């Protein structure tokens, strides 16, 4: 089967990246809700005084309380 020359390469890249984006969003949302259930909030980087980190919301965010 030959490729359709009318398909732009960007569209193919988007189709490959879409499932990855869904996985990342799903993981981040779970961390956010778990943090809020514990009475915390997600902060990019480190928690600022007087809050303390209780867990991670995502790779770059801490759950602070």
PDB file of N, CA and C in Angstrom:
ATOM      1  N   UNK A   1       0.828  -1.194   0.000  1.00  0.00           N
ATOM      2  CA  UNK A   1       0.000   0.000   0.000  1.00  0.00           C
ATOM      3  C   UNK A   1       0.869   1.253   0.000  1.00  0.00           C
ATOM      4  N   UNK A   2       0.534   2.134  -0.881  1.00  0.00           N
ATOM      5  CA  UNK A   2       1.266   3.395  -0.990  1.00  0.00           C
ATOM      6  C   UNK A   2       0.626   4.434  -0.092  1.00  0.00           C
ATOM      7  N   UNK A   3       1.460   5.361   0.363  1.00  0.00           N
ATOM      8  CA  UNK A   3       0.942   6.456   1.183  1.00  0.00           C
ATOM      9  C   UNK A   3       0.236   7.458   0.296  1.00  0.00           C
ATOM     10  N   UNK A   4      -0.770   8.080   0.844  1.00  0.00           N
ATOM     11  CA  UNK A   4      -1.474   9.132   0.131  1.00  0.00           C
ATOM     12  C   UNK A   4      -0.613  10.388   0.176  1.00  0.00           C
ATOM     13  N   UNK A   5      -0.178  10.905  -0.969  1.00  0.00           N
ATOM     14  CA  UNK A   5       0.683  12.082  -0.944  1.00  0.00           C
ATOM     15  C   UNK A   5      -0.028  13.329  -0.430  1.00  0.00           C
ATOM     16  N   UNK A   6      -1.342  13.272  -0.301  1.00  0.00           N
ATOM     17  CA  UNK A   6      -2.095  14.422   0.189  1.00  0.00           C
ATOM     18  C   UNK A   6      -2.074  14.554   1.703  1.00  0.00           C
ATOM     19  N   UNK A   7      -1.661  13.502   2.448  1.00  0.00           N
ATOM     20  CA  UNK A   7      -1.605  13.572   3.912  1.00  0.00           C
ATOM     21  C   UNK A   7      -0.387  14.370   4.357  1.00  0.00           C
ATOM     22  N   UNK A   8      -0.593  15.452   5.085  1.00  0.00           N
ATOM     23  CA  UNK A   8       0.560  16.208   5.571  1.00  0.00           C
ATOM     24  C   UNK A   8       1.272  15.443   6.687  1.00  0.00           C
ATOM     25  N   UNK A   9       2.600  15.518   6.740  1.00  0.00           N
ATOM     26  CA  UNK A   9       3.350  14.803   7.782  1.00  0.00           C
ATOM     27  C   UNK A   9       2.972  15.246   9.191  1.00  0.00           C
ATOM     28  N   UNK A  10       2.579  16.508   9.341  1.00  0.00           N
ATOM     29  CA  UNK A  10       2.213  17.003  10.671  1.00  0.00           C
ATOM     30  C   UNK A  10       1.002  16.253  11.212  1.00  0.00           C
ATOM     31  N   UNK A  11       0.076  15.902  10.350  1.00  0.00           N
ATOM     32  CA  UNK A  11      -1.121  15.190  10.787  1.00  0.00           C
ATOM     33  C   UNK A  11      -0.751  13.804  11.314  1.00  0.00           C
ATOM     34  N   UNK A  12       0.212  13.158  10.679  1.00  0.00           N
ATOM     35  CA  UNK A  12       0.646  11.837  11.138  1.00  0.00           C
ATOM     36  C   UNK A  12       1.309  11.939  12.508  1.00  0.00           C
ATOM     37  N   UNK A  13       2.089  12.992  12.711  1.00  0.00           N
ATOM     38  CA  UNK A  13       2.745  13.193  14.003  1.00  0.00           C
ATOM     39  C   UNK A  13       1.703  13.423  15.087  1.00  0.00           C
ATOM     40  N   UNK A  14       0.678  14.220  14.773  1.00  0.00           N
ATOM     41  CA  UNK A  14      -0.377  14.487  15.757  1.00  0.00           C
ATOM     42  C   UNK A  14      -1.107  13.209  16.142  1.00  0.00           C
ATOM     43  N   UNK A  15      -1.344  12.347  15.171  1.00  0.00           N
ATOM     44  CA  UNK A  15      -2.024  11.087  15.467  1.00  0.00           C
ATOM     45  C   UNK A  15      -1.176  10.194  16.369  1.00  0.00           C
ATOM     46  N   UNK A  16       0.141  10.291  16.260  1.00  0.00           N
ATOM     47  CA  UNK A  16       1.018   9.505  17.125  1.00  0.00           C
ATOM     48  C   UNK A  16       1.145  10.123  18.517  1.00  0.00           C
ATOM     49  N   UNK A  17       1.095  11.445  18.600  1.00  0.00           N
ATOM     50  CA  UNK A  17       1.267  12.120  19.885  1.00  0.00           C
ATOM     51  C   UNK A  17      -0.013  12.167  20.719  1.00  0.00           C
ATOM     52  N   UNK A  18      -1.156  12.033  20.092  1.00  0.00           N
ATOM     53  CA  UNK A  18      -2.423  12.135  20.812  1.00  0.00           C
ATOM     54  C   UNK A  18      -2.560  11.101  21.931  1.00  0.00           C
ATOM     55  N   UNK A  19      -2.273   9.813  21.701  1.00  0.00           N
ATOM     56  CA  UNK A  19      -2.371   8.846  22.811  1.00  0.00           C
ATOM     57  C   UNK A  19      -1.403   9.163  23.952  1.00  0.00           C
ATOM     58  N   UNK A  20      -0.208   9.640  23.620  1.00  0.00           N
ATOM     59  CA  UNK A  20       0.757  10.009  24.652  1.00  0.00           C
ATOM     60  C   UNK A  20       0.223  11.159  25.499  1.00  0.00           C
ATOM     61  N   UNK A  21      -0.378  12.127  24.855  1.00  0.00           N
ATOM     62  CA  UNK A  21      -0.963  13.259  25.575  1.00  0.00           C
ATOM     63  C   UNK A  21      -2.064  12.791  26.527  1.00  0.00           C
ATOM     64  N   UNK A  22      -2.890  11.864  26.089  1.00  0.00           N
ATOM     65  CA  UNK A  22      -3.963  11.356  26.947  1.00  0.00           C
ATOM     66  C   UNK A  22      -3.409  10.659  28.185  1.00  0.00           C
ATOM     67  N   UNK A  23      -2.349   9.902  28.018  1.00  0.00           N
ATOM     68  CA  UNK A  23      -1.738   9.208  29.156  1.00  0.00           C
ATOM     69  C   UNK A  23      -1.175  10.213  30.153  1.00  0.00           C
ATOM     70  N   UNK A  24      -0.509  11.254  29.661  1.00  0.00           N
ATOM     71  CA  UNK A  24       0.064  12.268  30.545  1.00  0.00           C
ATOM     72  C   UNK A  24      -1.017  13.026  31.301  1.00  0.00           C
ATOM     73  N   UNK A  25      -2.084  13.391  30.613  1.00  0.00           N
ATOM     74  CA  UNK A  25      -3.170  14.136  31.257  1.00  0.00           C
ATOM     75  C   UNK A  25      -3.864  13.270  32.296  1.00  0.00           C
ATOM     76  N   UNK A  26      -4.046  12.001  32.000  1.00  0.00           N
ATOM     77  CA  UNK A  26      -4.706  11.106  32.944  1.00  0.00           C
ATOM     78  C   UNK A  26      -3.895  10.981  34.228  1.00  0.00           C
ATOM     79  N   UNK A  27      -2.591  10.847  34.125  1.00  0.00           N
ATOM     80  CA  UNK A  27      -1.740  10.744  35.304  1.00  0.00           C
ATOM     81  C   UNK A  27      -1.728  12.019  36.116  1.00  0.00           C
ATOM     82  N   UNK A  28      -1.691  13.158  35.452  1.00  0.00           N
ATOM     83  CA  UNK A  28      -1.667  14.443  36.150  1.00  0.00           C
ATOM     84  C   UNK A  28      -2.984  14.687  36.870  1.00  0.00           C
ATOM     85  N   UNK A  29      -4.091  14.320  36.254  1.00  0.00           N
ATOM     86  CA  UNK A  29      -5.390  14.540  36.880  1.00  0.00           C
ATOM     87  C   UNK A  29      -5.532  13.687  38.133  1.00  0.00           C
ATOM     88  N   UNK A  30      -5.035  12.458  38.113  1.00  0.00           N
ATOM     89  CA  UNK A  30      -5.111  11.595  39.285  1.00  0.00           C
ATOM     90  C   UNK A  30      -4.343  12.165  40.452  1.00  0.00           C
ATOM     91  N   UNK A  31      -3.153  12.707  40.185  1.00  0.00           N
ATOM     92  CA  UNK A  31      -2.346  13.317  41.230  1.00  0.00           C
ATOM     93  C   UNK A  31      -3.020  14.548  41.811  1.00  0.00           C
ATOM     94  N   UNK A  32      -3.640  15.338  40.953  1.00  0.00           N
ATOM     95  CA  UNK A  32      -4.324  16.551  41.393  1.00  0.00           C
ATOM     96  C   UNK A  32      -5.483  16.210  42.324  1.00  0.00           C
ATOM     97  N   UNK A  33      -6.301  15.246  41.951  1.00  0.00           N
ATOM     98  CA  UNK A  33      -7.465  14.900  42.778  1.00  0.00           C
ATOM     99  C   UNK A  33      -7.049  14.246  44.089  1.00  0.00           C
ATOM    100  N   UNK A  34      -6.010  13.415  44.050  1.00  0.00           N
ATOM    101  CA  UNK A  34      -5.525  12.792  45.284  1.00  0.00           C
ATOM    102  C   UNK A  34      -4.986  13.855  46.230  1.00  0.00           C
ATOM    103  N   UNK A  35      -4.311  14.843  45.680  1.00  0.00           N
ATOM    104  CA  UNK A  35      -3.760  15.933  46.491  1.00  0.00           C
ATOM    105  C   UNK A  35      -4.887  16.744  47.126  1.00  0.00           C
ATOM    106  N   UNK A  36      -5.895  17.060  46.353  1.00  0.00           N
ATOM    107  CA  UNK A  36      -7.018  17.852  46.886  1.00  0.00           C
ATOM    108  C   UNK A  36      -7.793  17.088  47.949  1.00  0.00           C
ATOM    109  N   UNK A  37      -7.901  15.761  47.781  1.00  0.00           N
ATOM    110  CA  UNK A  37      -8.587  14.953  48.798  1.00  0.00           C
ATOM    111  C   UNK A  37      -7.864  15.029  50.133  1.00  0.00           C
ATOM    112  N   UNK A  38      -6.544  15.201  50.081  1.00  0.00           N
ATOM    113  CA  UNK A  38      -5.759  15.293  51.315  1.00  0.00           C
ATOM    114  C   UNK A  38      -5.667  16.718  51.838  1.00  0.00           C
ATOM    115  N   UNK A  39      -6.392  17.635  51.201  1.00  0.00           N
ATOM    116  CA  UNK A  39      -6.399  19.016  51.664  1.00  0.00           C
ATOM    117  C   UNK A  39      -5.234  19.844  51.164  1.00  0.00           C
ATOM    118  N   UNK A  40      -4.581  19.398  50.094  1.00  0.00           N
ATOM    119  CA  UNK A  40      -3.432  20.122  49.570  1.00  0.00           C
ATOM    120  C   UNK A  40      -3.725  20.780  48.237  1.00  0.00           C
ATOM    121  N   UNK A  41      -2.676  21.347  47.648  1.00  0.00           N
ATOM    122  CA  UNK A  41      -2.765  21.958  46.328  1.00  0.00           C
ATOM    123  C   UNK A  41      -1.468  21.676  45.584  1.00  0.00           C
ATOM    124  N   UNK A  42      -1.538  21.628  44.263  1.00  0.00           N
ATOM    125  CA  UNK A  42      -0.360  21.342  43.448  1.00  0.00           C
ATOM    126  C   UNK A  42       0.410  22.622  43.168  1.00  0.00           C
ATOM    127  N   UNK A  43       1.724  22.550  43.341  1.00  0.00           N
ATOM    128  CA  UNK A  43       2.612  23.705  43.169  1.00  0.00           C
ATOM    129  C   UNK A  43       3.753  23.305  42.244  1.00  0.00           C
ATOM    130  N   UNK A  44       4.026  24.114  41.221  1.00  0.00           N
ATOM    131  CA  UNK A  44       5.163  23.851  40.334  1.00  0.00           C
ATOM    132  C   UNK A  44       6.444  24.132  41.104  1.00  0.00           C
ATOM    133  N   UNK A  45       7.376  23.215  41.033  1.00  0.00           N
ATOM    134  CA  UNK A  45       8.630  23.382  41.770  1.00  0.00           C
ATOM    135  C   UNK A  45       8.453  22.936  43.213  1.00  0.00           C
ATOM    136  N   UNK A  46       8.988  23.723  44.133  1.00  0.00           N
ATOM    137  CA  UNK A  46       8.954  23.361  45.551  1.00  0.00           C
ATOM    138  C   UNK A  46       7.842  24.094  46.289  1.00  0.00           C
ATOM    139  N   UNK A  47       7.437  23.546  47.419  1.00  0.00           N
ATOM    140  CA  UNK A  47       6.428  24.190  48.265  1.00  0.00           C
ATOM    141  C   UNK A  47       7.060  25.393  48.960  1.00  0.00           C
ATOM    142  N   UNK A  48       6.324  26.465  49.016  1.00  0.00           N
ATOM    143  CA  UNK A  48       6.825  27.681  49.670  1.00  0.00           C
ATOM    144  C   UNK A  48       6.438  27.673  51.140  1.00  0.00           C
ATOM    145  N   UNK A  49       7.292  28.256  51.955  1.00  0.00           N
ATOM    146  CA  UNK A  49       7.034  28.370  53.393  1.00  0.00           C
ATOM    147  C   UNK A  49       5.740  29.138  53.608  1.00  0.00           C
ATOM    148  N   UNK A  50       4.864  28.732  54.440  1.00  0.00           N
ATOM    149  CA  UNK A  50       4.939  27.733  55.501  1.00  0.00           C
ATOM    150  C   UNK A  50       4.373  26.369  55.110  1.00  0.00           C
ATOM    151  N   UNK A  51       4.100  26.143  53.825  1.00  0.00           N
ATOM    152  CA  UNK A  51       3.544  24.849  53.423  1.00  0.00           C
ATOM    153  C   UNK A  51       4.644  23.792  53.367  1.00  0.00           C
ATOM    154  N   UNK A  52       4.224  22.529  53.426  1.00  0.00           N
ATOM    155  CA  UNK A  52       5.167  21.411  53.352  1.00  0.00           C
ATOM    156  C   UNK A  52       4.712  20.450  52.253  1.00  0.00           C
ATOM    157  N   UNK A  53       5.651  19.768  51.590  1.00  0.00           N
ATOM    158  CA  UNK A  53       5.279  18.791  50.565  1.00  0.00           C
ATOM    159  C   UNK A  53       4.744  17.508  51.211  1.00  0.00           C
ATOM    160  N   UNK A  54       3.624  17.004  50.685  1.00  0.00           N
ATOM    161  CA  UNK A  54       3.084  15.751  51.219  1.00  0.00           C
ATOM    162  C   UNK A  54       3.158  14.616  50.198  1.00  0.00           C
ATOM    163  N   UNK A  55       3.214  14.947  48.906  1.00  0.00           N
ATOM    164  CA  UNK A  55       3.382  13.956  47.843  1.00  0.00           C
ATOM    165  C   UNK A  55       3.603  14.697  46.537  1.00  0.00           C
ATOM    166  N   UNK A  56       3.761  13.951  45.443  1.00  0.00           N
ATOM    167  CA  UNK A  56       3.947  14.572  44.131  1.00  0.00           C
ATOM    168  C   UNK A  56       2.643  14.530  43.354  1.00  0.00           C
ATOM    169  N   UNK A  57       2.323  15.636  42.691  1.00  0.00           N
ATOM    170  CA  UNK A  57       1.165  15.677  41.793  1.00  0.00           C
ATOM    171  C   UNK A  57       1.559  15.154  40.414  1.00  0.00           C
ATOM    172  N   UNK A  58       2.748  15.521  39.973  1.00  0.00           N
ATOM    173  CA  UNK A  58       3.289  15.077  38.692  1.00  0.00           C
ATOM    174  C   UNK A  58       4.804  15.147  38.788  1.00  0.00           C
ATOM    175  N   UNK A  59       5.464  14.956  37.673  1.00  0.00           N
ATOM    176  CA  UNK A  59       6.924  14.938  37.673  1.00  0.00           C
ATOM    177  C   UNK A  59       7.514  16.258  38.160  1.00  0.00           C
ATOM    178  N   UNK A  60       6.867  17.379  37.830  1.00  0.00           N
ATOM    179  CA  UNK A  60       7.434  18.689  38.185  1.00  0.00           C
ATOM    180  C   UNK A  60       6.606  19.447  39.219  1.00  0.00           C
ATOM    181  N   UNK A  61       5.568  18.819  39.768  1.00  0.00           N
ATOM    182  CA  UNK A  61       4.703  19.503  40.730  1.00  0.00           C
ATOM    183  C   UNK A  61       4.628  18.735  42.044  1.00  0.00           C
ATOM    184  N   UNK A  62       4.653  19.486  43.132  1.00  0.00           N
ATOM    185  CA  UNK A  62       4.502  18.914  44.470  1.00  0.00           C
ATOM    186  C   UNK A  62       3.118  19.225  45.004  1.00  0.00           C
ATOM    187  N   UNK A  63       2.605  18.323  45.814  1.00  0.00           N
ATOM    188  CA  UNK A  63       1.363  18.570  46.541  1.00  0.00           C
ATOM    189  C   UNK A  63       1.764  19.192  47.873  1.00  0.00           C
ATOM    190  N   UNK A  64       1.354  20.427  48.089  1.00  0.00           N
ATOM    191  CA  UNK A  64       1.732  21.170  49.294  1.00  0.00           C
ATOM    192  C   UNK A  64       0.524  21.306  50.212  1.00  0.00           C
ATOM    193  N   UNK A  65       0.806  21.309  51.524  1.00  0.00           N
ATOM    194  CA  UNK A  65      -0.274  21.467  52.502  1.00  0.00           C
ATOM    195  C   UNK A  65       0.194  22.382  53.601  1.00  0.00           C
TER     196      UNK A  65
END
